[in-house]
Amino acid sequence: MITTDLVGDVYRITLDRPERRNALTPAGLDALRRAIEEADAPVISIRGAGPAFCAGADLDVVGELDGEEAAEFARTGQRTARAIAEVDAVVLAGIDGPARGGGLELALACDLRVATSGATFGEPGVTFGLFGAWGGTVRLPRVLGLGEAMDLALSGRAVDAEEALRTGLVSRIVEDPGSVAREIARNDPTALVATKRRLRDDRSTRVQEESEAETFAALIERYDP
């Protein structure tokens, strides 16, 4: 489900479940978190195998959860997103194809999001009675601003790469997101860490995430897949 390799100074993590659009189970989230924590390189690049970046949570798994299991699934996703945000390395999401729900939330935890022209983004949870609970309700307004975040999350619509660039959801549209990872890796690693730490100096996320997990658990109690 998760594969890794090292190319120069870029540690590449591939979400490798293309038959399910790289949807993640709790075990897949734990494997992704371990890969982040074990990475030994100044730059980490996360990408998806096949035609999608990540469809988010595996809904076949979600449909079997009770309330407490749902809250723990949310916390597992939050731990993984937090590992992405807190690791010293610069983490880049290279997005080609759909990034939906939890896939978008994991990308939001990255330091940079770089898209191809074929990338699309959405938080479709409201269309089937849920919402993103891997830190999405915390990070989405921080990245987009409240107005754009409300539009994306409450409509459930998907946006293309051009709109994502306009709103600041991604920083570049390129043919090869890996080229941006390599560009960053050419810089001084100590300076990269110091700069990332200063830009990410925010200590209020965890309290909001716990509330997010509890609300998600309440919705799961009424979820009917």
C-alpha atoms as a PDB file:
ATOM      1  CA  MET A   1       0.000   0.000   0.000  1.00  0.00           C
ATOM      2  CA  ILE A   2       2.957   2.330   0.698  1.00  0.00           C
ATOM      3  CA  THR A   3       6.262   2.094  -1.165  1.00  0.00           C
ATOM      4  CA  THR A   4       9.375   4.217  -0.743  1.00  0.00           C
ATOM      5  CA  ASP A   5      12.621   4.938  -2.524  1.00  0.00           C
ATOM      6  CA  LEU A   6      15.434   7.475  -2.303  1.00  0.00           C
ATOM      7  CA  VAL A   7      16.441   9.454  -5.378  1.00  0.00           C
ATOM      8  CA  GLY A   8      19.332  11.762  -4.563  1.00  0.00           C
ATOM      9  CA  ASP A   9      18.201  13.891  -1.632  1.00  0.00           C
ATOM     10  CA  VAL A  10      14.492  13.260  -2.225  1.00  0.00           C
ATOM     11  CA  TYR A  11      12.756  10.483  -0.294  1.00  0.00           C
ATOM     12  CA  ARG A  12       9.782   9.438  -2.416  1.00  0.00           C
ATOM     13  CA  ILE A  13       6.689   7.931  -0.804  1.00  0.00           C
ATOM     14  CA  THR A  14       4.163   6.399  -3.176  1.00  0.00           C
ATOM     15  CA  LEU A  15       0.573   5.669  -2.183  1.00  0.00           C
ATOM     16  CA  ASP A  16       0.444   2.399  -4.048  1.00  0.00           C
ATOM     17  CA  ARG A  17      -3.085   1.044  -4.225  1.00  0.00           C
ATOM     18  CA  PRO A  18      -4.191   2.164  -7.669  1.00  0.00           C
ATOM     19  CA  GLU A  19      -7.082  -0.297  -7.903  1.00  0.00           C
ATOM     20  CA  ARG A  20      -8.749   1.683  -5.065  1.00  0.00           C
ATOM     21  CA  ARG A  21      -7.499   5.105  -6.216  1.00  0.00           C
ATOM     22  CA  ASN A  22      -4.963   4.868  -3.375  1.00  0.00           C
ATOM     23  CA  ALA A  23      -7.683   4.985  -0.701  1.00  0.00           C
ATOM     24  CA  LEU A  24      -6.252   4.526   2.773  1.00  0.00           C
ATOM     25  CA  THR A  25      -7.193   2.158   5.575  1.00  0.00           C
ATOM     26  CA  PRO A  26      -5.995   2.578   9.172  1.00  0.00           C
ATOM     27  CA  ALA A  27      -3.107   0.230   8.378  1.00  0.00           C
ATOM     28  CA  GLY A  28      -2.236   2.284   5.312  1.00  0.00           C
ATOM     29  CA  LEU A  29      -2.251   5.487   7.342  1.00  0.00           C
ATOM     30  CA  ASP A  30       0.048   3.913   9.928  1.00  0.00           C
ATOM     31  CA  ALA A  31       2.390   2.740   7.160  1.00  0.00           C
ATOM     32  CA  LEU A  32       2.462   6.248   5.692  1.00  0.00           C
ATOM     33  CA  ARG A  33       3.215   7.753   9.106  1.00  0.00           C
ATOM     34  CA  ARG A  34       6.069   5.308   9.676  1.00  0.00           C
ATOM     35  CA  ALA A  35       7.487   6.101   6.245  1.00  0.00           C
ATOM     36  CA  ILE A  36       7.457   9.808   7.099  1.00  0.00           C
ATOM     37  CA  GLU A  37       9.090   9.226  10.482  1.00  0.00           C
ATOM     38  CA  GLU A  38      11.764   6.925   9.049  1.00  0.00           C
ATOM     39  CA  ALA A  39      12.693   9.172   6.127  1.00  0.00           C
ATOM     40  CA  ASP A  40      16.312  10.327   6.164  1.00  0.00           C
ATOM     41  CA  ALA A  41      16.467  13.066   3.544  1.00  0.00           C
ATOM     42  CA  PRO A  42      15.940  16.838   3.481  1.00  0.00           C
ATOM     43  CA  VAL A  43      12.949  16.552   1.147  1.00  0.00           C
ATOM     44  CA  ILE A  44      10.062  14.071   1.118  1.00  0.00           C
ATOM     45  CA  SER A  45       7.807  13.753  -1.917  1.00  0.00           C
ATOM     46  CA  ILE A  46       4.380  12.078  -1.629  1.00  0.00           C
ATOM     47  CA  ARG A  47       2.683  10.902  -4.806  1.00  0.00           C
ATOM     48  CA  GLY A  48      -0.003   8.465  -5.901  1.00  0.00           C
ATOM     49  CA  ALA A  49       0.316   5.411  -8.113  1.00  0.00           C
ATOM     50  CA  GLY A  50      -1.874   5.210 -11.189  1.00  0.00           C
ATOM     51  CA  PRO A  51      -4.377   7.857 -12.296  1.00  0.00           C
ATOM     52  CA  ALA A  52      -5.212   9.289  -8.846  1.00  0.00           C
ATOM     53  CA  PHE A  53      -3.306  10.953  -6.040  1.00  0.00           C
ATOM     54  CA  CYS A  54      -5.529   9.673  -3.226  1.00  0.00           C
ATOM     55  CA  ALA A  55      -9.271   9.119  -2.836  1.00  0.00           C
ATOM     56  CA  GLY A  56      -8.996   9.538   0.942  1.00  0.00           C
ATOM     57  CA  ALA A  57     -10.418   7.059   3.424  1.00  0.00           C
ATOM     58  CA  ASP A  58     -11.453   3.649   2.141  1.00  0.00           C
ATOM     59  CA  LEU A  59     -15.245   3.960   2.363  1.00  0.00           C
ATOM     60  CA  ASP A  60     -15.671   0.186   2.521  1.00  0.00           C
ATOM     61  CA  VAL A  61     -13.844   0.368   5.848  1.00  0.00           C
ATOM     62  CA  VAL A  62     -15.677   3.500   6.994  1.00  0.00           C
ATOM     63  CA  GLY A  63     -19.046   1.854   6.430  1.00  0.00           C
ATOM     64  CA  GLU A  64     -18.222  -0.885   8.956  1.00  0.00           C
ATOM     65  CA  LEU A  65     -17.199   1.421  11.812  1.00  0.00           C
ATOM     66  CA  ASP A  66     -19.102   2.199  14.997  1.00  0.00           C
ATOM     67  CA  GLY A  67     -18.782   5.590  16.664  1.00  0.00           C
ATOM     68  CA  GLU A  68     -15.653   4.930  18.734  1.00  0.00           C
ATOM     69  CA  GLU A  69     -13.934   3.109  15.862  1.00  0.00           C
ATOM     70  CA  ALA A  70     -14.721   6.078  13.614  1.00  0.00           C
ATOM     71  CA  ALA A  71     -13.190   8.482  16.122  1.00  0.00           C
ATOM     72  CA  GLU A  72     -10.056   6.332  16.268  1.00  0.00           C
ATOM     73  CA  PHE A  73      -9.873   6.198  12.450  1.00  0.00           C
ATOM     74  CA  ALA A  74     -10.064  10.002  12.468  1.00  0.00           C
ATOM     75  CA  ARG A  75      -7.302  10.190  15.087  1.00  0.00           C
ATOM     76  CA  THR A  76      -5.151   7.802  13.036  1.00  0.00           C
ATOM     77  CA  GLY A  77      -5.500  10.105  10.033  1.00  0.00           C
ATOM     78  CA  GLN A  78      -4.759  13.108  12.211  1.00  0.00           C
ATOM     79  CA  ARG A  79      -1.596  11.467  13.587  1.00  0.00           C
ATOM     80  CA  THR A  80      -0.405  10.812  10.061  1.00  0.00           C
ATOM     81  CA  ALA A  81      -1.175  14.367   8.934  1.00  0.00           C
ATOM     82  CA  ARG A  82       0.562  15.700  12.036  1.00  0.00           C
ATOM     83  CA  ALA A  83       3.635  13.577  11.297  1.00  0.00           C
ATOM     84  CA  ILE A  84       3.730  15.127   7.822  1.00  0.00           C
ATOM     85  CA  ALA A  85       3.452  18.646   9.225  1.00  0.00           C
ATOM     86  CA  GLU A  86       5.931  18.176  12.073  1.00  0.00           C
ATOM     87  CA  VAL A  87       8.754  16.220  10.427  1.00  0.00           C
ATOM     88  CA  ASP A  88      11.915  18.287   9.903  1.00  0.00           C
ATOM     89  CA  ALA A  89      12.117  17.459   6.207  1.00  0.00           C
ATOM     90  CA  VAL A  90      10.266  19.574   3.672  1.00  0.00           C
ATOM     91  CA  VAL A  91       7.257  17.531   2.507  1.00  0.00           C
ATOM     92  CA  LEU A  92       5.852  18.064  -0.975  1.00  0.00           C
ATOM     93  CA  ALA A  93       2.624  16.577  -2.305  1.00  0.00           C
ATOM     94  CA  GLY A  94       2.963  15.907  -6.024  1.00  0.00           C
ATOM     95  CA  ILE A  95      -0.655  15.709  -7.151  1.00  0.00           C
ATOM     96  CA  ASP A  96      -1.660  14.182 -10.472  1.00  0.00           C
ATOM     97  CA  GLY A  97      -5.307  13.195 -10.830  1.00  0.00           C
ATOM     98  CA  PRO A  98      -7.954  13.355  -8.095  1.00  0.00           C
ATOM     99  CA  ALA A  99      -7.167  14.303  -4.493  1.00  0.00           C
ATOM    100  CA  ARG A 100     -10.394  13.797  -2.577  1.00  0.00           C
ATOM    101  CA  GLY A 101     -11.394  13.893   1.076  1.00  0.00           C
ATOM    102  CA  GLY A 102      -8.603  12.491   3.195  1.00  0.00           C
ATOM    103  CA  GLY A 103      -6.265  12.615   0.218  1.00  0.00           C
ATOM    104  CA  LEU A 104      -6.723  16.369   0.070  1.00  0.00           C
ATOM    105  CA  GLU A 105      -6.356  16.578   3.858  1.00  0.00           C
ATOM    106  CA  LEU A 106      -3.004  14.793   3.787  1.00  0.00           C
ATOM    107  CA  ALA A 107      -1.894  17.133   1.008  1.00  0.00           C
ATOM    108  CA  LEU A 108      -2.945  20.110   3.150  1.00  0.00           C
ATOM    109  CA  ALA A 109      -0.568  18.886   5.864  1.00  0.00           C
ATOM    110  CA  CYS A 110       2.341  19.018   3.424  1.00  0.00           C
ATOM    111  CA  ASP A 111       4.562  22.069   3.188  1.00  0.00           C
ATOM    112  CA  LEU A 112       3.974  22.396  -0.549  1.00  0.00           C
ATOM    113  CA  ARG A 113       1.335  21.152  -2.948  1.00  0.00           C
ATOM    114  CA  VAL A 114       2.364  21.013  -6.593  1.00  0.00           C
ATOM    115  CA  ALA A 115      -0.086  19.847  -9.246  1.00  0.00           C
ATOM    116  CA  THR A 116      -0.134  18.691 -12.815  1.00  0.00           C
ATOM    117  CA  SER A 117      -2.745  20.145 -15.153  1.00  0.00           C
ATOM    118  CA  GLY A 118      -4.773  16.957 -14.675  1.00  0.00           C
ATOM    119  CA  ALA A 119      -5.081  17.301 -10.902  1.00  0.00           C
ATOM    120  CA  THR A 120      -8.465  17.893  -9.270  1.00  0.00           C
ATOM    121  CA  PHE A 121      -9.367  18.565  -5.650  1.00  0.00           C
ATOM    122  CA  GLY A 122     -12.456  18.163  -3.497  1.00  0.00           C
ATOM    123  CA  GLU A 123     -13.938  17.553  -0.054  1.00  0.00           C
ATOM    124  CA  PRO A 124     -17.046  15.554  -1.047  1.00  0.00           C
ATOM    125  CA  GLY A 125     -17.949  14.328   2.443  1.00  0.00           C
ATOM    126  CA  VAL A 126     -21.074  16.477   2.775  1.00  0.00           C
ATOM    127  CA  THR A 127     -22.583  14.790  -0.292  1.00  0.00           C
ATOM    128  CA  PHE A 128     -22.908  11.524   1.645  1.00  0.00           C
ATOM    129  CA  GLY A 129     -23.351  12.781   5.196  1.00  0.00           C
ATOM    130  CA  LEU A 130     -19.777  13.092   6.471  1.00  0.00           C
ATOM    131  CA  PHE A 131     -16.873  15.539   6.412  1.00  0.00           C
ATOM    132  CA  GLY A 132     -13.096  15.375   6.321  1.00  0.00           C
ATOM    133  CA  ALA A 133     -11.740  14.443   9.749  1.00  0.00           C
ATOM    134  CA  TRP A 134      -7.992  14.035   9.227  1.00  0.00           C
ATOM    135  CA  GLY A 135      -7.340  17.646  10.149  1.00  0.00           C
ATOM    136  CA  GLY A 136      -9.162  19.046   7.141  1.00  0.00           C
ATOM    137  CA  THR A 137     -11.521  21.365   9.002  1.00  0.00           C
ATOM    138  CA  VAL A 138      -8.477  22.827  10.759  1.00  0.00           C
ATOM    139  CA  ARG A 139      -6.080  23.170   7.841  1.00  0.00           C
ATOM    140  CA  LEU A 140      -8.402  23.997   4.938  1.00  0.00           C
ATOM    141  CA  PRO A 141      -9.306  27.519   6.152  1.00  0.00           C
ATOM    142  CA  ARG A 142      -5.689  28.150   7.120  1.00  0.00           C
ATOM    143  CA  VAL A 143      -4.564  27.403   3.576  1.00  0.00           C
ATOM    144  CA  LEU A 144      -7.462  28.891   1.596  1.00  0.00           C
ATOM    145  CA  GLY A 145      -8.977  31.445   3.947  1.00  0.00           C
ATOM    146  CA  LEU A 146     -12.393  30.939   5.482  1.00  0.00           C
ATOM    147  CA  GLY A 147     -14.497  31.960   2.483  1.00  0.00           C
ATOM    148  CA  GLU A 148     -12.827  29.663  -0.056  1.00  0.00           C
ATOM    149  CA  ALA A 149     -12.708  26.835   2.509  1.00  0.00           C
ATOM    150  CA  MET A 150     -16.442  27.159   3.179  1.00  0.00           C
ATOM    151  CA  ASP A 151     -17.182  27.086  -0.548  1.00  0.00           C
ATOM    152  CA  LEU A 152     -15.143  23.936  -1.158  1.00  0.00           C
ATOM    153  CA  ALA A 153     -16.245  22.035   1.960  1.00  0.00           C
ATOM    154  CA  LEU A 154     -19.952  22.957   1.968  1.00  0.00           C
ATOM    155  CA  SER A 155     -20.538  22.478  -1.762  1.00  0.00           C
ATOM    156  CA  GLY A 156     -18.709  19.160  -2.047  1.00  0.00           C
ATOM    157  CA  ARG A 157     -17.623  20.215  -5.525  1.00  0.00           C
ATOM    158  CA  ALA A 158     -14.326  19.428  -7.219  1.00  0.00           C
ATOM    159  CA  VAL A 159     -11.991  22.132  -8.520  1.00  0.00           C
ATOM    160  CA  ASP A 160      -9.380  21.845 -11.237  1.00  0.00           C
ATOM    161  CA  ALA A 161      -5.704  22.728 -11.042  1.00  0.00           C
ATOM    162  CA  GLU A 162      -6.195  26.274 -12.326  1.00  0.00           C
ATOM    163  CA  GLU A 163      -8.738  27.111  -9.645  1.00  0.00           C
ATOM    164  CA  ALA A 164      -6.554  25.428  -7.029  1.00  0.00           C
ATOM    165  CA  LEU A 165      -3.676  27.659  -8.100  1.00  0.00           C
ATOM    166  CA  ARG A 166      -5.855  30.773  -7.953  1.00  0.00           C
ATOM    167  CA  THR A 167      -7.028  30.038  -4.405  1.00  0.00           C
ATOM    168  CA  GLY A 168      -3.586  29.051  -3.108  1.00  0.00           C
ATOM    169  CA  LEU A 169      -4.434  25.388  -2.667  1.00  0.00           C
ATOM    170  CA  VAL A 170      -1.418  24.594  -4.838  1.00  0.00           C
ATOM    171  CA  SER A 171       1.638  26.725  -5.467  1.00  0.00           C
ATOM    172  CA  ARG A 172       2.514  25.567  -8.988  1.00  0.00           C
ATOM    173  CA  ILE A 173       1.178  23.650 -11.971  1.00  0.00           C
ATOM    174  CA  VAL A 174       3.978  21.656 -13.584  1.00  0.00           C
ATOM    175  CA  GLU A 175       4.423  18.653 -15.839  1.00  0.00           C
ATOM    176  CA  ASP A 176       6.586  16.843 -13.293  1.00  0.00           C
ATOM    177  CA  PRO A 177       6.021  17.583  -9.583  1.00  0.00           C
ATOM    178  CA  GLY A 178       9.204  15.664  -8.829  1.00  0.00           C
ATOM    179  CA  SER A 179      11.185  18.462 -10.480  1.00  0.00           C
ATOM    180  CA  VAL A 180      10.081  20.858  -7.726  1.00  0.00           C
ATOM    181  CA  ALA A 181      11.158  18.385  -5.037  1.00  0.00           C
ATOM    182  CA  ARG A 182      14.573  18.140  -6.672  1.00  0.00           C
ATOM    183  CA  GLU A 183      14.800  21.926  -6.923  1.00  0.00           C
ATOM    184  CA  ILE A 184      14.151  22.332  -3.187  1.00  0.00           C
ATOM    185  CA  ALA A 185      16.581  19.540  -2.313  1.00  0.00           C
ATOM    186  CA  ARG A 186      19.428  21.535  -3.875  1.00  0.00           C
ATOM    187  CA  ASN A 187      19.174  24.060  -1.022  1.00  0.00           C
ATOM    188  CA  ASP A 188      20.975  23.944   2.320  1.00  0.00           C
ATOM    189  CA  PRO A 189      19.213  21.333   4.511  1.00  0.00           C
ATOM    190  CA  THR A 190      19.765  23.210   7.776  1.00  0.00           C
ATOM    191  CA  ALA A 191      18.267  26.356   6.310  1.00  0.00           C
ATOM    192  CA  LEU A 192      15.315  24.356   4.994  1.00  0.00           C
ATOM    193  CA  VAL A 193      14.549  23.016   8.475  1.00  0.00           C
ATOM    194  CA  ALA A 194      14.899  26.428  10.114  1.00  0.00           C
ATOM    195  CA  THR A 195      12.690  28.117   7.540  1.00  0.00           C
ATOM    196  CA  LYS A 196      10.010  25.446   7.748  1.00  0.00           C
ATOM    197  CA  ARG A 197       9.940  25.651  11.554  1.00  0.00           C
ATOM    198  CA  ARG A 198       9.453  29.410  11.563  1.00  0.00           C
ATOM    199  CA  LEU A 199       6.719  29.347   8.931  1.00  0.00           C
ATOM    200  CA  ARG A 200       4.879  26.547  10.756  1.00  0.00           C
ATOM    201  CA  ASP A 201       4.919  28.058  14.244  1.00  0.00           C
ATOM    202  CA  ASP A 202       1.325  27.249  15.191  1.00  0.00           C
ATOM    203  CA  ARG A 203       0.382  25.438  18.380  1.00  0.00           C
ATOM    204  CA  SER A 204      -3.418  25.263  18.318  1.00  0.00           C
ATOM    205  CA  THR A 205      -4.119  22.370  15.922  1.00  0.00           C
ATOM    206  CA  ARG A 206      -4.469  19.422  18.311  1.00  0.00           C
ATOM    207  CA  VAL A 207      -7.381  20.802  20.329  1.00  0.00           C
ATOM    208  CA  GLN A 208      -9.347  21.472  17.152  1.00  0.00           C
ATOM    209  CA  GLU A 209      -8.509  18.020  15.767  1.00  0.00           C
ATOM    210  CA  GLU A 210      -9.932  16.264  18.840  1.00  0.00           C
ATOM    211  CA  SER A 211     -13.199  18.133  18.424  1.00  0.00           C
ATOM    212  CA  GLU A 212     -13.144  17.186  14.747  1.00  0.00           C
ATOM    213  CA  ALA A 213     -12.755  13.474  15.599  1.00  0.00           C
ATOM    214  CA  GLU A 214     -15.657  13.560  18.068  1.00  0.00           C
ATOM    215  CA  THR A 215     -17.969  15.256  15.566  1.00  0.00           C
ATOM    216  CA  PHE A 216     -16.985  12.755  12.878  1.00  0.00           C
ATOM    217  CA  ALA A 217     -17.804   9.891  15.255  1.00  0.00           C
ATOM    218  CA  ALA A 218     -21.276  11.349  15.833  1.00  0.00           C
ATOM    219  CA  LEU A 219     -21.902  11.478  12.075  1.00  0.00           C
ATOM    220  CA  ILE A 220     -20.754   7.865  11.653  1.00  0.00           C
ATOM    221  CA  GLU A 221     -23.520   6.777  14.030  1.00  0.00           C
ATOM    222  CA  ARG A 222     -26.035   7.828  11.373  1.00  0.00           C
ATOM    223  CA  TYR A 223     -23.975   6.948   8.275  1.00  0.00           C
ATOM    224  CA  ASP A 224     -25.722   4.546   5.893  1.00  0.00           C
ATOM    225  CA  PRO A 225     -23.429   3.573   2.995  1.00  0.00           C
END
